[in-house]
Every structure is written in C-alpha cells, then in structure tokens.
Amino acid sequence: MTVIEQLKHEAELLTEPLAQEVLDFLLYKSDAYAAIHETMAGMYDAGVIDKKTMREFDEACLTPVHAFSATDIKALREREEVSQRVFALYMNVSKDSVSQWERGIKKPAGPILKLLSLVKQKGLSAIT
C-alpha cells in the first residue's frame, strides 16, 4: 500500500468534510496545487492525458515524503521545542515510538513520514 493509499484510508475514518480537508492538506503542497491536481485527475479519468503525464503532475503537486534518520527526527522535535511525549501526541503514536525512532531502533513509515515531512516544512502548527 502506498503512502497516498494509506492516507486516504486513514482519512476515510474521519467524517466526510473533515476527511477531505485533512487529506488535501496532507497530500498537496497548497490549495492551488490541489485544484490543479484534481483537474488533471479528471482529465486522466476522461482519457485526455496519459498515465505518464499524470505521474508528472503527481510529482509536481504532492507534498514530497522524505526519509528521516534518528538524528533528523530528534533535531526536528528539538527545533519544535517539545518533549518526546508531546511530539508523540502530535504524531498520534506512543512516546516509546518516538524514542525508538530517535535511537534508530525503529524507523517511521507510511503516513507518519508524511506528517514528519509536513512538520519539517511548516512546523507542528501545520498538523494541529
């Protein structure tokens, strides 16, 4: 399952209007990119553009996901000036998960990587 599919699955668990708002915020670089991508997806569905062109729009419009090392995660949390427990609450994971990421025992995956990428770009306020 791709990160986008996982995010869509998680968003489906929310109420419909909130789910779409959360999904758009997590997926797209901006509202303008969301509108462009939605238009291009419609064109792809109608057969006006091919799969290769759609992939190019995916790359241009979607928020990129980065790999994070243990050091990166700790630096990100410290930049935001929060404890492991508070950071875990924002990420919707346990404090132990954050601790294990920071020590390199485990690596974040899936939707958590997307959230970490957003925090890196926009700060914790972007996911509250």
Protein backbone atom coordinates (compact mmCIF):
# COMPACT_ATOMS: atom_id res chain seq x y z
CA MET A 1 0.00 0.00 0.00
CA THR A 2 1.43 3.39 -0.98
CA VAL A 3 1.62 6.33 1.41
CA ILE A 4 -1.17 8.06 -0.51
CA GLU A 5 -3.40 4.99 -0.24
CA GLN A 6 -2.66 4.75 3.49
CA LEU A 7 -3.50 8.43 3.98
CA LYS A 8 -6.74 8.01 2.05
CA HIS A 9 -7.64 5.01 4.20
CA GLU A 10 -6.92 6.96 7.40
CA ALA A 11 -8.93 9.94 6.14
CA GLU A 12 -11.93 7.70 5.38
CA LEU A 13 -12.19 7.03 9.11
CA LEU A 14 -12.96 10.72 9.71
CA THR A 15 -16.23 12.47 8.93
CA GLU A 16 -16.55 13.20 5.19
CA PRO A 17 -15.97 17.01 5.08
CA LEU A 18 -13.14 16.80 7.61
CA ALA A 19 -11.65 13.77 5.85
CA GLN A 20 -11.32 15.61 2.53
CA GLU A 21 -9.85 18.69 4.19
CA VAL A 22 -7.28 16.61 6.10
CA LEU A 23 -6.43 14.57 3.03
CA ASP A 24 -5.96 17.65 0.83
CA PHE A 25 -3.80 19.31 3.48
CA LEU A 26 -1.59 16.24 3.88
CA LEU A 27 -1.27 15.46 0.21
CA TYR A 28 -0.88 18.77 -1.61
CA LYS A 29 1.74 21.49 -1.44
CA SER A 30 -1.01 24.14 -1.49
CA ASP A 31 -4.69 24.70 -2.29
CA ALA A 32 -3.71 25.76 -5.81
CA TYR A 33 -1.83 22.51 -6.36
CA ALA A 34 -4.83 20.58 -5.02
CA ALA A 35 -7.11 22.27 -7.56
CA ILE A 36 -4.66 21.66 -10.42
CA HIS A 37 -4.22 18.03 -9.44
CA GLU A 38 -7.97 17.47 -9.16
CA THR A 39 -8.46 18.92 -12.65
CA MET A 40 -5.70 16.78 -14.10
CA ALA A 41 -7.07 13.66 -12.38
CA GLY A 42 -10.41 14.35 -14.07
CA MET A 43 -8.66 14.72 -17.41
CA TYR A 44 -6.83 11.43 -16.80
CA ASP A 45 -10.11 9.69 -15.93
CA ALA A 46 -11.61 11.05 -19.16
CA GLY A 47 -8.65 9.75 -21.16
CA VAL A 48 -7.41 13.21 -22.17
CA ILE A 49 -3.96 12.74 -20.62
CA ASP A 50 -1.89 9.58 -20.26
CA LYS A 51 -0.51 7.84 -17.17
CA LYS A 52 2.99 9.30 -17.63
CA THR A 53 1.64 12.86 -17.68
CA MET A 54 -0.49 12.13 -14.60
CA ARG A 55 2.59 10.86 -12.76
CA GLU A 56 4.39 14.11 -13.61
CA PHE A 57 1.51 16.07 -12.08
CA ASP A 58 1.60 13.81 -9.01
CA GLU A 59 5.27 14.65 -8.51
CA ALA A 60 4.70 18.37 -9.04
CA CYS A 61 1.60 18.75 -6.86
CA LEU A 62 2.01 16.33 -3.97
CA THR A 63 3.98 17.08 -0.83
CA PRO A 64 7.18 15.06 -1.04
CA VAL A 65 7.93 12.42 1.58
CA HIS A 66 11.46 12.33 2.97
CA ALA A 67 13.37 9.60 4.73
CA PHE A 68 14.29 10.64 8.27
CA SER A 69 17.29 9.42 10.22
CA ALA A 70 17.27 9.12 14.00
CA THR A 71 19.26 12.36 14.20
CA ASP A 72 16.82 14.13 11.84
CA ILE A 73 13.83 13.18 13.97
CA LYS A 74 15.46 14.28 17.21
CA ALA A 75 16.59 17.56 15.63
CA LEU A 76 13.09 18.16 14.27
CA ARG A 77 11.49 17.56 17.68
CA GLU A 78 14.05 19.78 19.40
CA ARG A 79 13.53 22.52 16.80
CA GLU A 80 9.83 22.46 17.70
CA GLU A 81 10.80 22.65 21.40
CA VAL A 82 8.60 19.78 22.58
CA SER A 83 9.19 16.67 24.65
CA GLN A 84 9.02 13.17 23.20
CA ARG A 85 5.63 12.72 24.85
CA VAL A 86 4.19 15.90 23.29
CA PHE A 87 5.70 15.10 19.89
CA ALA A 88 4.16 11.63 20.12
CA LEU A 89 0.73 13.18 20.78
CA TYR A 90 1.05 15.33 17.65
CA MET A 91 2.09 12.28 15.59
CA ASN A 92 -0.61 10.08 17.17
CA VAL A 93 1.93 7.46 18.27
CA SER A 94 3.33 6.34 21.61
CA LYS A 95 6.21 8.08 23.35
CA ASP A 96 8.11 4.81 23.02
CA SER A 97 7.79 5.01 19.22
CA VAL A 98 9.34 8.47 19.17
CA SER A 99 12.10 7.29 21.50
CA GLN A 100 12.82 4.29 19.28
CA TRP A 101 12.91 6.47 16.16
CA GLU A 102 15.35 8.86 17.82
CA ARG A 103 17.62 6.00 18.88
CA GLY A 104 17.48 4.39 15.44
CA ILE A 105 15.87 1.20 16.75
CA LYS A 106 12.82 1.63 14.51
CA LYS A 107 12.07 3.83 11.52
CA PRO A 108 8.83 5.70 10.90
CA ALA A 109 6.88 4.61 7.83
CA GLY A 110 3.73 5.34 5.87
CA PRO A 111 1.56 8.26 6.96
CA ILE A 112 3.97 9.16 9.77
CA LEU A 113 6.62 10.00 7.17
CA LYS A 114 4.14 12.35 5.53
CA LEU A 115 3.42 14.04 8.86
CA LEU A 116 7.14 14.35 9.62
CA SER A 117 7.69 15.91 6.19
CA LEU A 118 4.94 18.45 6.86
CA VAL A 119 6.38 19.28 10.29
CA LYS A 120 9.80 19.72 8.72
CA GLN A 121 8.40 22.12 6.11
CA LYS A 122 5.77 24.00 8.11
CA GLY A 123 6.19 23.23 11.81
CA LEU A 124 3.94 21.43 14.27
CA SER A 125 1.25 24.05 13.85
CA ALA A 126 0.64 22.64 10.36
CA ILE A 127 -0.77 19.40 11.74
CA THR A 128 -2.88 20.71 14.62
